[in-house]
Amino acid sequence: MPFELTILGSNSALPTSDRYPTAQVLNILGRFFLIDCGEGTQIQLRRNKIGFSKIKHIFISHLHGDHYYGLIGLISTLNLLGLKTDIHIYAPSEIKYLLQPQLDFLKGDLNLKLIFIR
């Protein structure tokens, strides 16, 4: 299939037992793009059998927590999986400042190269 959108989460800031905060995966000809990364994104990726290593581009639409609170956890997981690839993060410029304290903590062990694009 050349184009497929998987809704991982479509709820607001308050997760419920059957809906997660915002996250979608767009598959275009085998290239996977994560659009927003609310809490629970990793669980939903696994449930939908979408390999974490397929995601190289992450788009954060805006800086409400329900759109990016799952991002640092996903970055950590990608790192723990041993991925040594570039991850492009398209987001408002402030995202780097929000994530920087946690990235500084991981810095010595971070195998990924994060490229922030605003």
PDB file of N, CA and C in Angstrom:
ATOM      1  N   MET A   1       0.849  -1.180   0.000  1.00  0.00           N
ATOM      2  CA  MET A   1       0.000   0.000   0.000  1.00  0.00           C
ATOM      3  C   MET A   1       0.896   1.244   0.000  1.00  0.00           C
ATOM      4  N   PRO A   2       0.705   2.165  -0.915  1.00  0.00           N
ATOM      5  CA  PRO A   2       1.589   3.320  -1.020  1.00  0.00           C
ATOM      6  C   PRO A   2       1.384   4.382   0.062  1.00  0.00           C
ATOM      7  N   PHE A   3       0.195   4.406   0.694  1.00  0.00           N
ATOM      8  CA  PHE A   3      -0.099   5.473   1.645  1.00  0.00           C
ATOM      9  C   PHE A   3      -1.006   4.896   2.722  1.00  0.00           C
ATOM     10  N   GLU A   4      -0.590   5.040   3.988  1.00  0.00           N
ATOM     11  CA  GLU A   4      -1.399   4.521   5.085  1.00  0.00           C
ATOM     12  C   GLU A   4      -1.188   5.392   6.320  1.00  0.00           C
ATOM     13  N   LEU A   5      -2.281   5.759   6.970  1.00  0.00           N
ATOM     14  CA  LEU A   5      -2.219   6.533   8.206  1.00  0.00           C
ATOM     15  C   LEU A   5      -2.779   5.671   9.331  1.00  0.00           C
ATOM     16  N   THR A   6      -1.977   5.492  10.373  1.00  0.00           N
ATOM     17  CA  THR A   6      -2.397   4.726  11.542  1.00  0.00           C
ATOM     18  C   THR A   6      -2.577   5.688  12.701  1.00  0.00           C
ATOM     19  N   ILE A   7      -3.775   5.746  13.251  1.00  0.00           N
ATOM     20  CA  ILE A   7      -4.055   6.595  14.399  1.00  0.00           C
ATOM     21  C   ILE A   7      -3.655   5.828  15.652  1.00  0.00           C
ATOM     22  N   LEU A   8      -2.645   6.318  16.348  1.00  0.00           N
ATOM     23  CA  LEU A   8      -2.190   5.691  17.587  1.00  0.00           C
ATOM     24  C   LEU A   8      -2.915   6.278  18.790  1.00  0.00           C
ATOM     25  N   GLY A   9      -3.259   7.543  18.696  1.00  0.00           N
ATOM     26  CA  GLY A   9      -3.964   8.222  19.770  1.00  0.00           C
ATOM     27  C   GLY A   9      -4.724   9.400  19.207  1.00  0.00           C
ATOM     28  N   SER A  10      -5.893   9.648  19.780  1.00  0.00           N
ATOM     29  CA  SER A  10      -6.710  10.753  19.285  1.00  0.00           C
ATOM     30  C   SER A  10      -7.446  11.459  20.421  1.00  0.00           C
ATOM     31  N   ASN A  11      -6.979  11.272  21.613  1.00  0.00           N
ATOM     32  CA  ASN A  11      -7.632  11.884  22.760  1.00  0.00           C
ATOM     33  C   ASN A  11      -6.944  13.195  23.116  1.00  0.00           C
ATOM     34  N   SER A  12      -7.522  13.899  24.048  1.00  0.00           N
ATOM     35  CA  SER A  12      -6.943  15.164  24.504  1.00  0.00           C
ATOM     36  C   SER A  12      -5.904  14.878  25.585  1.00  0.00           C
ATOM     37  N   ALA A  13      -5.616  15.852  26.399  1.00  0.00           N
ATOM     38  CA  ALA A  13      -4.574  15.737  27.414  1.00  0.00           C
ATOM     39  C   ALA A  13      -4.869  14.682  28.480  1.00  0.00           C
ATOM     40  N   LEU A  14      -6.115  14.310  28.638  1.00  0.00           N
ATOM     41  CA  LEU A  14      -6.470  13.302  29.632  1.00  0.00           C
ATOM     42  C   LEU A  14      -6.655  11.947  28.967  1.00  0.00           C
ATOM     43  N   PRO A  15      -5.686  11.024  29.153  1.00  0.00           N
ATOM     44  CA  PRO A  15      -5.856   9.712  28.531  1.00  0.00           C
ATOM     45  C   PRO A  15      -7.016   8.967  29.183  1.00  0.00           C
ATOM     46  N   THR A  16      -7.632   8.118  28.405  1.00  0.00           N
ATOM     47  CA  THR A  16      -8.681   7.262  28.936  1.00  0.00           C
ATOM     48  C   THR A  16      -8.218   5.815  28.781  1.00  0.00           C
ATOM     49  N   SER A  17      -9.012   4.893  29.245  1.00  0.00           N
ATOM     50  CA  SER A  17      -8.605   3.491  29.169  1.00  0.00           C
ATOM     51  C   SER A  17      -8.664   2.945  27.744  1.00  0.00           C
ATOM     52  N   ASP A  18      -9.336   3.640  26.842  1.00  0.00           N
ATOM     53  CA  ASP A  18      -9.417   3.131  25.480  1.00  0.00           C
ATOM     54  C   ASP A  18      -8.909   4.105  24.412  1.00  0.00           C
ATOM     55  N   ARG A  19      -8.434   5.280  24.815  1.00  0.00           N
ATOM     56  CA  ARG A  19      -7.871   6.232  23.849  1.00  0.00           C
ATOM     57  C   ARG A  19      -6.662   6.921  24.464  1.00  0.00           C
ATOM     58  N   TYR A  20      -5.623   7.037  23.680  1.00  0.00           N
ATOM     59  CA  TYR A  20      -4.375   7.671  24.107  1.00  0.00           C
ATOM     60  C   TYR A  20      -4.299   9.093  23.566  1.00  0.00           C
ATOM     61  N   PRO A  21      -3.405   9.927  24.149  1.00  0.00           N
ATOM     62  CA  PRO A  21      -3.174  11.253  23.584  1.00  0.00           C
ATOM     63  C   PRO A  21      -2.649  11.156  22.142  1.00  0.00           C
ATOM     64  N   THR A  22      -2.591  12.267  21.504  1.00  0.00           N
ATOM     65  CA  THR A  22      -2.366  12.377  20.069  1.00  0.00           C
ATOM     66  C   THR A  22      -1.062  11.748  19.576  1.00  0.00           C
ATOM     67  N   ALA A  23      -1.188  10.924  18.559  1.00  0.00           N
ATOM     68  CA  ALA A  23      -0.055  10.373  17.811  1.00  0.00           C
ATOM     69  C   ALA A  23      -0.596   9.630  16.594  1.00  0.00           C
ATOM     70  N   GLN A  24       0.070   9.815  15.474  1.00  0.00           N
ATOM     71  CA  GLN A  24      -0.274   9.115  14.246  1.00  0.00           C
ATOM     72  C   GLN A  24       1.021   8.713  13.550  1.00  0.00           C
ATOM     73  N   VAL A  25       0.952   7.622  12.786  1.00  0.00           N
ATOM     74  CA  VAL A  25       2.083   7.227  11.951  1.00  0.00           C
ATOM     75  C   VAL A  25       1.617   7.245  10.500  1.00  0.00           C
ATOM     76  N   LEU A  26       2.350   7.977   9.698  1.00  0.00           N
ATOM     77  CA  LEU A  26       2.076   8.049   8.270  1.00  0.00           C
ATOM     78  C   LEU A  26       3.120   7.196   7.542  1.00  0.00           C
ATOM     79  N   ASN A  27       2.648   6.234   6.770  1.00  0.00           N
ATOM     80  CA  ASN A  27       3.516   5.369   5.980  1.00  0.00           C
ATOM     81  C   ASN A  27       3.308   5.735   4.510  1.00  0.00           C
ATOM     82  N   ILE A  28       4.362   6.262   3.923  1.00  0.00           N
ATOM     83  CA  ILE A  28       4.335   6.599   2.498  1.00  0.00           C
ATOM     84  C   ILE A  28       5.410   5.770   1.812  1.00  0.00           C
ATOM     85  N   LEU A  29       4.968   4.775   1.084  1.00  0.00           N
ATOM     86  CA  LEU A  29       5.883   3.905   0.335  1.00  0.00           C
ATOM     87  C   LEU A  29       6.986   3.325   1.226  1.00  0.00           C
ATOM     88  N   GLY A  30       6.613   2.926   2.437  1.00  0.00           N
ATOM     89  CA  GLY A  30       7.579   2.315   3.344  1.00  0.00           C
ATOM     90  C   GLY A  30       8.415   3.291   4.153  1.00  0.00           C
ATOM     91  N   ARG A  31       8.179   4.571   4.007  1.00  0.00           N
ATOM     92  CA  ARG A  31       8.833   5.592   4.840  1.00  0.00           C
ATOM     93  C   ARG A  31       7.837   5.987   5.917  1.00  0.00           C
ATOM     94  N   PHE A  32       8.263   5.894   7.173  1.00  0.00           N
ATOM     95  CA  PHE A  32       7.365   6.110   8.295  1.00  0.00           C
ATOM     96  C   PHE A  32       7.643   7.454   8.956  1.00  0.00           C
ATOM     97  N   PHE A  33       6.577   8.210   9.164  1.00  0.00           N
ATOM     98  CA  PHE A  33       6.661   9.528   9.776  1.00  0.00           C
ATOM     99  C   PHE A  33       5.739   9.532  10.995  1.00  0.00           C
ATOM    100  N   LEU A  34       6.290   9.852  12.154  1.00  0.00           N
ATOM    101  CA  LEU A  34       5.486   9.963  13.365  1.00  0.00           C
ATOM    102  C   LEU A  34       5.010  11.399  13.491  1.00  0.00           C
ATOM    103  N   ILE A  35       3.714  11.560  13.631  1.00  0.00           N
ATOM    104  CA  ILE A  35       3.134  12.893  13.772  1.00  0.00           C
ATOM    105  C   ILE A  35       2.586  13.005  15.185  1.00  0.00           C
ATOM    106  N   ASP A  36       3.230  13.809  15.973  1.00  0.00           N
ATOM    107  CA  ASP A  36       2.975  13.974  17.401  1.00  0.00           C
ATOM    108  C   ASP A  36       3.349  12.692  18.151  1.00  0.00           C
ATOM    109  N   CYS A  37       3.576  12.863  19.449  1.00  0.00           N
ATOM    110  CA  CYS A  37       4.083  11.752  20.255  1.00  0.00           C
ATOM    111  C   CYS A  37       3.593  11.897  21.686  1.00  0.00           C
ATOM    112  N   GLY A  38       2.295  11.731  21.867  1.00  0.00           N
ATOM    113  CA  GLY A  38       1.721  11.790  23.198  1.00  0.00           C
ATOM    114  C   GLY A  38       2.121  10.571  24.019  1.00  0.00           C
ATOM    115  N   GLU A  39       1.820  10.625  25.318  1.00  0.00           N
ATOM    116  CA  GLU A  39       2.089   9.476  26.177  1.00  0.00           C
ATOM    117  C   GLU A  39       1.373   8.253  25.628  1.00  0.00           C
ATOM    118  N   GLY A  40       2.006   7.109  25.731  1.00  0.00           N
ATOM    119  CA  GLY A  40       1.405   5.877  25.238  1.00  0.00           C
ATOM    120  C   GLY A  40       1.741   5.557  23.793  1.00  0.00           C
ATOM    121  N   THR A  41       2.481   6.421  23.134  1.00  0.00           N
ATOM    122  CA  THR A  41       2.825   6.189  21.726  1.00  0.00           C
ATOM    123  C   THR A  41       3.578   4.878  21.547  1.00  0.00           C
ATOM    124  N   GLN A  42       4.513   4.589  22.435  1.00  0.00           N
ATOM    125  CA  GLN A  42       5.293   3.360  22.289  1.00  0.00           C
ATOM    126  C   GLN A  42       4.420   2.114  22.410  1.00  0.00           C
ATOM    127  N   ILE A  43       3.480   2.147  23.322  1.00  0.00           N
ATOM    128  CA  ILE A  43       2.567   1.016  23.488  1.00  0.00           C
ATOM    129  C   ILE A  43       1.760   0.808  22.209  1.00  0.00           C
ATOM    130  N   GLN A  44       1.265   1.900  21.662  1.00  0.00           N
ATOM    131  CA  GLN A  44       0.456   1.816  20.459  1.00  0.00           C
ATOM    132  C   GLN A  44       1.282   1.399  19.232  1.00  0.00           C
ATOM    133  N   LEU A  45       2.544   1.822  19.168  1.00  0.00           N
ATOM    134  CA  LEU A  45       3.415   1.358  18.085  1.00  0.00           C
ATOM    135  C   LEU A  45       3.535  -0.160  18.135  1.00  0.00           C
ATOM    136  N   ARG A  46       3.751  -0.685  19.330  1.00  0.00           N
ATOM    137  CA  ARG A  46       3.865  -2.147  19.484  1.00  0.00           C
ATOM    138  C   ARG A  46       2.549  -2.843  19.131  1.00  0.00           C
ATOM    139  N   ARG A  47       1.440  -2.331  19.628  1.00  0.00           N
ATOM    140  CA  ARG A  47       0.128  -2.946  19.330  1.00  0.00           C
ATOM    141  C   ARG A  47      -0.153  -2.985  17.837  1.00  0.00           C
ATOM    142  N   ASN A  48       0.313  -1.969  17.129  1.00  0.00           N
ATOM    143  CA  ASN A  48       0.085  -1.891  15.688  1.00  0.00           C
ATOM    144  C   ASN A  48       1.217  -2.493  14.872  1.00  0.00           C
ATOM    145  N   LYS A  49       2.165  -3.137  15.570  1.00  0.00           N
ATOM    146  CA  LYS A  49       3.289  -3.819  14.919  1.00  0.00           C
ATOM    147  C   LYS A  49       4.079  -2.912  13.969  1.00  0.00           C
ATOM    148  N   ILE A  50       4.334  -1.705  14.454  1.00  0.00           N
ATOM    149  CA  ILE A  50       5.149  -0.747  13.709  1.00  0.00           C
ATOM    150  C   ILE A  50       6.514  -0.697  14.384  1.00  0.00           C
ATOM    151  N   GLY A  51       7.528  -1.143  13.686  1.00  0.00           N
ATOM    152  CA  GLY A  51       8.868  -1.195  14.249  1.00  0.00           C
ATOM    153  C   GLY A  51       9.406   0.187  14.576  1.00  0.00           C
ATOM    154  N   PHE A  52       9.925   0.333  15.779  1.00  0.00           N
ATOM    155  CA  PHE A  52      10.465   1.627  16.210  1.00  0.00           C
ATOM    156  C   PHE A  52      11.561   2.103  15.272  1.00  0.00           C
ATOM    157  N   SER A  53      12.373   1.182  14.783  1.00  0.00           N
ATOM    158  CA  SER A  53      13.522   1.567  13.952  1.00  0.00           C
ATOM    159  C   SER A  53      13.106   2.121  12.596  1.00  0.00           C
ATOM    160  N   LYS A  54      11.850   1.967  12.230  1.00  0.00           N
ATOM    161  CA  LYS A  54      11.373   2.511  10.950  1.00  0.00           C
ATOM    162  C   LYS A  54      11.155   4.018  11.007  1.00  0.00           C
ATOM    163  N   ILE A  55      11.045   4.561  12.212  1.00  0.00           N
ATOM    164  CA  ILE A  55      10.736   5.980  12.373  1.00  0.00           C
ATOM    165  C   ILE A  55      12.023   6.796  12.374  1.00  0.00           C
ATOM    166  N   LYS A  56      12.169   7.631  11.376  1.00  0.00           N
ATOM    167  CA  LYS A  56      13.354   8.494  11.256  1.00  0.00           C
ATOM    168  C   LYS A  56      12.982   9.979  11.279  1.00  0.00           C
ATOM    169  N   HIS A  57      11.682  10.258  11.147  1.00  0.00           N
ATOM    170  CA  HIS A  57      11.201  11.636  11.116  1.00  0.00           C
ATOM    171  C   HIS A  57      10.015  11.760  12.068  1.00  0.00           C
ATOM    172  N   ILE A  58      10.092  12.741  12.968  1.00  0.00           N
ATOM    173  CA  ILE A  58       9.044  12.970  13.956  1.00  0.00           C
ATOM    174  C   ILE A  58       8.605  14.423  13.841  1.00  0.00           C
ATOM    175  N   PHE A  59       7.316  14.617  13.692  1.00  0.00           N
ATOM    176  CA  PHE A  59       6.740  15.951  13.597  1.00  0.00           C
ATOM    177  C   PHE A  59       5.938  16.230  14.855  1.00  0.00           C
ATOM    178  N   ILE A  60       6.227  17.333  15.523  1.00  0.00           N
ATOM    179  CA  ILE A  60       5.465  17.766  16.693  1.00  0.00           C
ATOM    180  C   ILE A  60       4.716  19.026  16.280  1.00  0.00           C
ATOM    181  N   SER A  61       3.391  18.935  16.265  1.00  0.00           N
ATOM    182  CA  SER A  61       2.583  20.028  15.725  1.00  0.00           C
ATOM    183  C   SER A  61       2.640  21.284  16.576  1.00  0.00           C
ATOM    184  N   HIS A  62       2.607  21.121  17.895  1.00  0.00           N
ATOM    185  CA  HIS A  62       2.696  22.258  18.805  1.00  0.00           C
ATOM    186  C   HIS A  62       3.046  21.738  20.193  1.00  0.00           C
ATOM    187  N   LEU A  63       3.327  22.628  21.099  1.00  0.00           N
ATOM    188  CA  LEU A  63       3.924  22.238  22.379  1.00  0.00           C
ATOM    189  C   LEU A  63       2.929  22.102  23.525  1.00  0.00           C
ATOM    190  N   HIS A  64       1.762  21.583  23.252  1.00  0.00           N
ATOM    191  CA  HIS A  64       0.901  21.130  24.335  1.00  0.00           C
ATOM    192  C   HIS A  64       1.384  19.737  24.702  1.00  0.00           C
ATOM    193  N   GLY A  65       1.401  19.436  25.993  1.00  0.00           N
ATOM    194  CA  GLY A  65       1.968  18.181  26.469  1.00  0.00           C
ATOM    195  C   GLY A  65       1.416  16.935  25.819  1.00  0.00           C
ATOM    196  N   ASP A  66       0.140  16.942  25.483  1.00  0.00           N
ATOM    197  CA  ASP A  66      -0.445  15.744  24.884  1.00  0.00           C
ATOM    198  C   ASP A  66       0.070  15.481  23.470  1.00  0.00           C
ATOM    199  N   HIS A  67       0.898  16.364  22.951  1.00  0.00           N
ATOM    200  CA  HIS A  67       1.483  16.179  21.628  1.00  0.00           C
ATOM    201  C   HIS A  67       2.971  15.817  21.681  1.00  0.00           C
ATOM    202  N   TYR A  68       3.621  15.974  22.860  1.00  0.00           N
ATOM    203  CA  TYR A  68       5.055  15.660  22.888  1.00  0.00           C
ATOM    204  C   TYR A  68       5.549  14.977  24.161  1.00  0.00           C
ATOM    205  N   TYR A  69       4.721  14.752  25.168  1.00  0.00           N
ATOM    206  CA  TYR A  69       5.207  14.156  26.418  1.00  0.00           C
ATOM    207  C   TYR A  69       5.770  12.743  26.240  1.00  0.00           C
ATOM    208  N   GLY A  70       5.435  12.053  25.190  1.00  0.00           N
ATOM    209  CA  GLY A  70       5.987  10.724  24.949  1.00  0.00           C
ATOM    210  C   GLY A  70       7.307  10.726  24.199  1.00  0.00           C
ATOM    211  N   LEU A  71       7.766  11.897  23.781  1.00  0.00           N
ATOM    212  CA  LEU A  71       8.941  11.981  22.911  1.00  0.00           C
ATOM    213  C   LEU A  71      10.238  11.563  23.604  1.00  0.00           C
ATOM    214  N   ILE A  72      10.493  12.035  24.809  1.00  0.00           N
ATOM    215  CA  ILE A  72      11.764  11.684  25.471  1.00  0.00           C
ATOM    216  C   ILE A  72      11.820  10.188  25.760  1.00  0.00           C
ATOM    217  N   GLY A  73      10.684   9.596  26.098  1.00  0.00           N
ATOM    218  CA  GLY A  73      10.650   8.149  26.315  1.00  0.00           C
ATOM    219  C   GLY A  73      10.944   7.385  25.041  1.00  0.00           C
ATOM    220  N   LEU A  74      10.399   7.845  23.922  1.00  0.00           N
ATOM    221  CA  LEU A  74      10.662   7.202  22.641  1.00  0.00           C
ATOM    222  C   LEU A  74      12.134   7.337  22.263  1.00  0.00           C
ATOM    223  N   ILE A  75      12.707   8.512  22.458  1.00  0.00           N
ATOM    224  CA  ILE A  75      14.133   8.715  22.168  1.00  0.00           C
ATOM    225  C   ILE A  75      14.965   7.765  23.015  1.00  0.00           C
ATOM    226  N   SER A  76      14.645   7.653  24.276  1.00  0.00           N
ATOM    227  CA  SER A  76      15.365   6.749  25.176  1.00  0.00           C
ATOM    228  C   SER A  76      15.250   5.299  24.708  1.00  0.00           C
ATOM    229  N   THR A  77      14.062   4.894  24.317  1.00  0.00           N
ATOM    230  CA  THR A  77      13.867   3.522  23.830  1.00  0.00           C
ATOM    231  C   THR A  77      14.656   3.265  22.557  1.00  0.00           C
ATOM    232  N   LEU A  78      14.616   4.196  21.611  1.00  0.00           N
ATOM    233  CA  LEU A  78      15.389   4.038  20.379  1.00  0.00           C
ATOM    234  C   LEU A  78      16.868   3.879  20.700  1.00  0.00           C
ATOM    235  N   ASN A  79      17.331   4.638  21.673  1.00  0.00           N
ATOM    236  CA  ASN A  79      18.721   4.550  22.095  1.00  0.00           C
ATOM    237  C   ASN A  79      19.012   3.194  22.741  1.00  0.00           C
ATOM    238  N   LEU A  80      18.125   2.741  23.638  1.00  0.00           N
ATOM    239  CA  LEU A  80      18.304   1.448  24.299  1.00  0.00           C
ATOM    240  C   LEU A  80      18.285   0.284  23.303  1.00  0.00           C
ATOM    241  N   LEU A  81      17.568   0.454  22.204  1.00  0.00           N
ATOM    242  CA  LEU A  81      17.536  -0.569  21.161  1.00  0.00           C
ATOM    243  C   LEU A  81      18.833  -0.599  20.356  1.00  0.00           C
ATOM    244  N   GLY A  82      19.709   0.365  20.607  1.00  0.00           N
ATOM    245  CA  GLY A  82      21.004   0.398  19.943  1.00  0.00           C
ATOM    246  C   GLY A  82      20.996   1.045  18.575  1.00  0.00           C
ATOM    247  N   LEU A  83      19.949   1.772  18.265  1.00  0.00           N
ATOM    248  CA  LEU A  83      19.907   2.436  16.966  1.00  0.00           C
ATOM    249  C   LEU A  83      20.953   3.537  16.903  1.00  0.00           C
ATOM    250  N   LYS A  84      21.652   3.608  15.792  1.00  0.00           N
ATOM    251  CA  LYS A  84      22.683   4.626  15.593  1.00  0.00           C
ATOM    252  C   LYS A  84      22.379   5.361  14.299  1.00  0.00           C
ATOM    253  N   THR A  85      21.270   6.027  14.313  1.00  0.00           N
ATOM    254  CA  THR A  85      20.777   6.678  13.113  1.00  0.00           C
ATOM    255  C   THR A  85      20.440   8.125  13.417  1.00  0.00           C
ATOM    256  N   ASP A  86      20.193   8.883  12.391  1.00  0.00           N
ATOM    257  CA  ASP A  86      19.727  10.257  12.567  1.00  0.00           C
ATOM    258  C   ASP A  86      18.220  10.243  12.746  1.00  0.00           C
ATOM    259  N   ILE A  87      17.733  10.983  13.730  1.00  0.00           N
ATOM    260  CA  ILE A  87      16.310  11.178  13.938  1.00  0.00           C
ATOM    261  C   ILE A  87      16.048  12.662  13.721  1.00  0.00           C
ATOM    262  N   HIS A  88      15.216  12.967  12.755  1.00  0.00           N
ATOM    263  CA  HIS A  88      14.857  14.353  12.452  1.00  0.00           C
ATOM    264  C   HIS A  88      13.589  14.703  13.216  1.00  0.00           C
ATOM    265  N   ILE A  89      13.659  15.759  13.999  1.00  0.00           N
ATOM    266  CA  ILE A  89      12.516  16.210  14.790  1.00  0.00           C
ATOM    267  C   ILE A  89      12.101  17.583  14.277  1.00  0.00           C
ATOM    268  N   TYR A  90      10.929  17.636  13.676  1.00  0.00           N
ATOM    269  CA  TYR A  90      10.371  18.871  13.126  1.00  0.00           C
ATOM    270  C   TYR A  90       9.386  19.407  14.159  1.00  0.00           C
ATOM    271  N   ALA A  91       9.712  20.534  14.753  1.00  0.00           N
ATOM    272  CA  ALA A  91       8.901  21.037  15.865  1.00  0.00           C
ATOM    273  C   ALA A  91       9.204  22.513  16.084  1.00  0.00           C
ATOM    274  N   PRO A  92       8.342  23.183  16.864  1.00  0.00           N
ATOM    275  CA  PRO A  92       8.689  24.548  17.265  1.00  0.00           C
ATOM    276  C   PRO A  92      10.053  24.548  17.963  1.00  0.00           C
ATOM    277  N   SER A  93      10.810  25.611  17.772  1.00  0.00           N
ATOM    278  CA  SER A  93      12.196  25.651  18.275  1.00  0.00           C
ATOM    279  C   SER A  93      12.303  25.426  19.771  1.00  0.00           C
ATOM    280  N   GLU A  94      11.273  25.737  20.532  1.00  0.00           N
ATOM    281  CA  GLU A  94      11.331  25.585  21.986  1.00  0.00           C
ATOM    282  C   GLU A  94      11.412  24.121  22.433  1.00  0.00           C
ATOM    283  N   ILE A  95      11.116  23.176  21.559  1.00  0.00           N
ATOM    284  CA  ILE A  95      11.140  21.760  21.944  1.00  0.00           C
ATOM    285  C   ILE A  95      12.516  21.347  22.435  1.00  0.00           C
ATOM    286  N   LYS A  96      13.542  21.879  21.808  1.00  0.00           N
ATOM    287  CA  LYS A  96      14.901  21.511  22.214  1.00  0.00           C
ATOM    288  C   LYS A  96      15.177  21.952  23.649  1.00  0.00           C
ATOM    289  N   TYR A  97      14.699  23.125  24.027  1.00  0.00           N
ATOM    290  CA  TYR A  97      14.910  23.612  25.388  1.00  0.00           C
ATOM    291  C   TYR A  97      14.108  22.801  26.400  1.00  0.00           C
ATOM    292  N   LEU A  98      12.941  22.332  26.010  1.00  0.00           N
ATOM    293  CA  LEU A  98      12.135  21.513  26.899  1.00  0.00           C
ATOM    294  C   LEU A  98      12.772  20.135  27.130  1.00  0.00           C
ATOM    295  N   LEU A  99      13.394  19.592  26.095  1.00  0.00           N
ATOM    296  CA  LEU A  99      13.994  18.261  26.184  1.00  0.00           C
ATOM    297  C   LEU A  99      15.439  18.274  26.669  1.00  0.00           C
ATOM    298  N   GLN A 100      16.106  19.429  26.583  1.00  0.00           N
ATOM    299  CA  GLN A 100      17.537  19.492  26.819  1.00  0.00           C
ATOM    300  C   GLN A 100      17.993  18.920  28.168  1.00  0.00           C
ATOM    301  N   PRO A 101      17.326  19.200  29.291  1.00  0.00           N
ATOM    302  CA  PRO A 101      17.800  18.605  30.558  1.00  0.00           C
ATOM    303  C   PRO A 101      17.836  17.076  30.522  1.00  0.00           C
ATOM    304  N   GLN A 102      16.838  16.466  29.915  1.00  0.00           N
ATOM    305  CA  GLN A 102      16.830  15.010  29.825  1.00  0.00           C
ATOM    306  C   GLN A 102      17.865  14.522  28.816  1.00  0.00           C
ATOM    307  N   LEU A 103      18.042  15.235  27.720  1.00  0.00           N
ATOM    308  CA  LEU A 103      19.054  14.864  26.743  1.00  0.00           C
ATOM    309  C   LEU A 103      20.457  14.988  27.338  1.00  0.00           C
ATOM    310  N   ASP A 104      20.673  16.023  28.156  1.00  0.00           N
ATOM    311  CA  ASP A 104      21.971  16.181  28.816  1.00  0.00           C
ATOM    312  C   ASP A 104      22.275  14.984  29.707  1.00  0.00           C
ATOM    313  N   PHE A 105      21.255  14.471  30.372  1.00  0.00           N
ATOM    314  CA  PHE A 105      21.439  13.309  31.240  1.00  0.00           C
ATOM    315  C   PHE A 105      21.834  12.078  30.417  1.00  0.00           C
ATOM    316  N   LEU A 106      21.266  11.931  29.230  1.00  0.00           N
ATOM    317  CA  LEU A 106      21.559  10.788  28.361  1.00  0.00           C
ATOM    318  C   LEU A 106      22.818  10.982  27.521  1.00  0.00           C
ATOM    319  N   LYS A 107      23.323  12.190  27.457  1.00  0.00           N
ATOM    320  CA  LYS A 107      24.344  12.574  26.478  1.00  0.00           C
ATOM    321  C   LYS A 107      25.488  11.573  26.358  1.00  0.00           C
ATOM    322  N   GLY A 108      26.024  11.130  27.452  1.00  0.00           N
ATOM    323  CA  GLY A 108      27.148  10.210  27.378  1.00  0.00           C
ATOM    324  C   GLY A 108      26.798   8.888  26.736  1.00  0.00           C
ATOM    325  N   ASP A 109      25.557   8.509  26.799  1.00  0.00           N
ATOM    326  CA  ASP A 109      25.125   7.217  26.285  1.00  0.00           C
ATOM    327  C   ASP A 109      24.223   7.323  25.067  1.00  0.00           C
ATOM    328  N   LEU A 110      24.075   8.496  24.504  1.00  0.00           N
ATOM    329  CA  LEU A 110      23.152   8.678  23.380  1.00  0.00           C
ATOM    330  C   LEU A 110      23.845   8.320  22.067  1.00  0.00           C
ATOM    331  N   ASN A 111      23.375   7.245  21.443  1.00  0.00           N
ATOM    332  CA  ASN A 111      23.944   6.789  20.177  1.00  0.00           C
ATOM    333  C   ASN A 111      23.295   7.473  18.981  1.00  0.00           C
ATOM    334  N   LEU A 112      22.100   7.961  19.178  1.00  0.00           N
ATOM    335  CA  LEU A 112      21.350   8.601  18.100  1.00  0.00           C
ATOM    336  C   LEU A 112      21.852  10.016  17.858  1.00  0.00           C
ATOM    337  N   LYS A 113      21.685  10.466  16.661  1.00  0.00           N
ATOM    338  CA  LYS A 113      21.917  11.880  16.384  1.00  0.00           C
ATOM    339  C   LYS A 113      20.549  12.515  16.186  1.00  0.00           C
ATOM    340  N   LEU A 114      20.213  13.448  17.058  1.00  0.00           N
ATOM    341  CA  LEU A 114      18.942  14.170  16.967  1.00  0.00           C
ATOM    342  C   LEU A 114      19.163  15.447  16.187  1.00  0.00           C
ATOM    343  N   ILE A 115      18.386  15.620  15.152  1.00  0.00           N
ATOM    344  CA  ILE A 115      18.476  16.818  14.315  1.00  0.00           C
ATOM    345  C   ILE A 115      17.163  17.567  14.475  1.00  0.00           C
ATOM    346  N   PHE A 116      17.236  18.722  15.104  1.00  0.00           N
ATOM    347  CA  PHE A 116      16.044  19.526  15.348  1.00  0.00           C
ATOM    348  C   PHE A 116      15.848  20.502  14.194  1.00  0.00           C
ATOM    349  N   ILE A 117      14.666  20.475  13.626  1.00  0.00           N
ATOM    350  CA  ILE A 117      14.328  21.335  12.491  1.00  0.00           C
ATOM    351  C   ILE A 117      13.057  22.087  12.857  1.00  0.00           C
ATOM    352  N   ARG A 118      13.105  23.408  12.738  1.00  0.00           N
ATOM    353  CA  ARG A 118      11.888  24.153  13.058  1.00  0.00           C
ATOM    354  C   ARG A 118      11.278  24.744  11.836  1.00  0.00           C
TER     355      ARG A 118
END
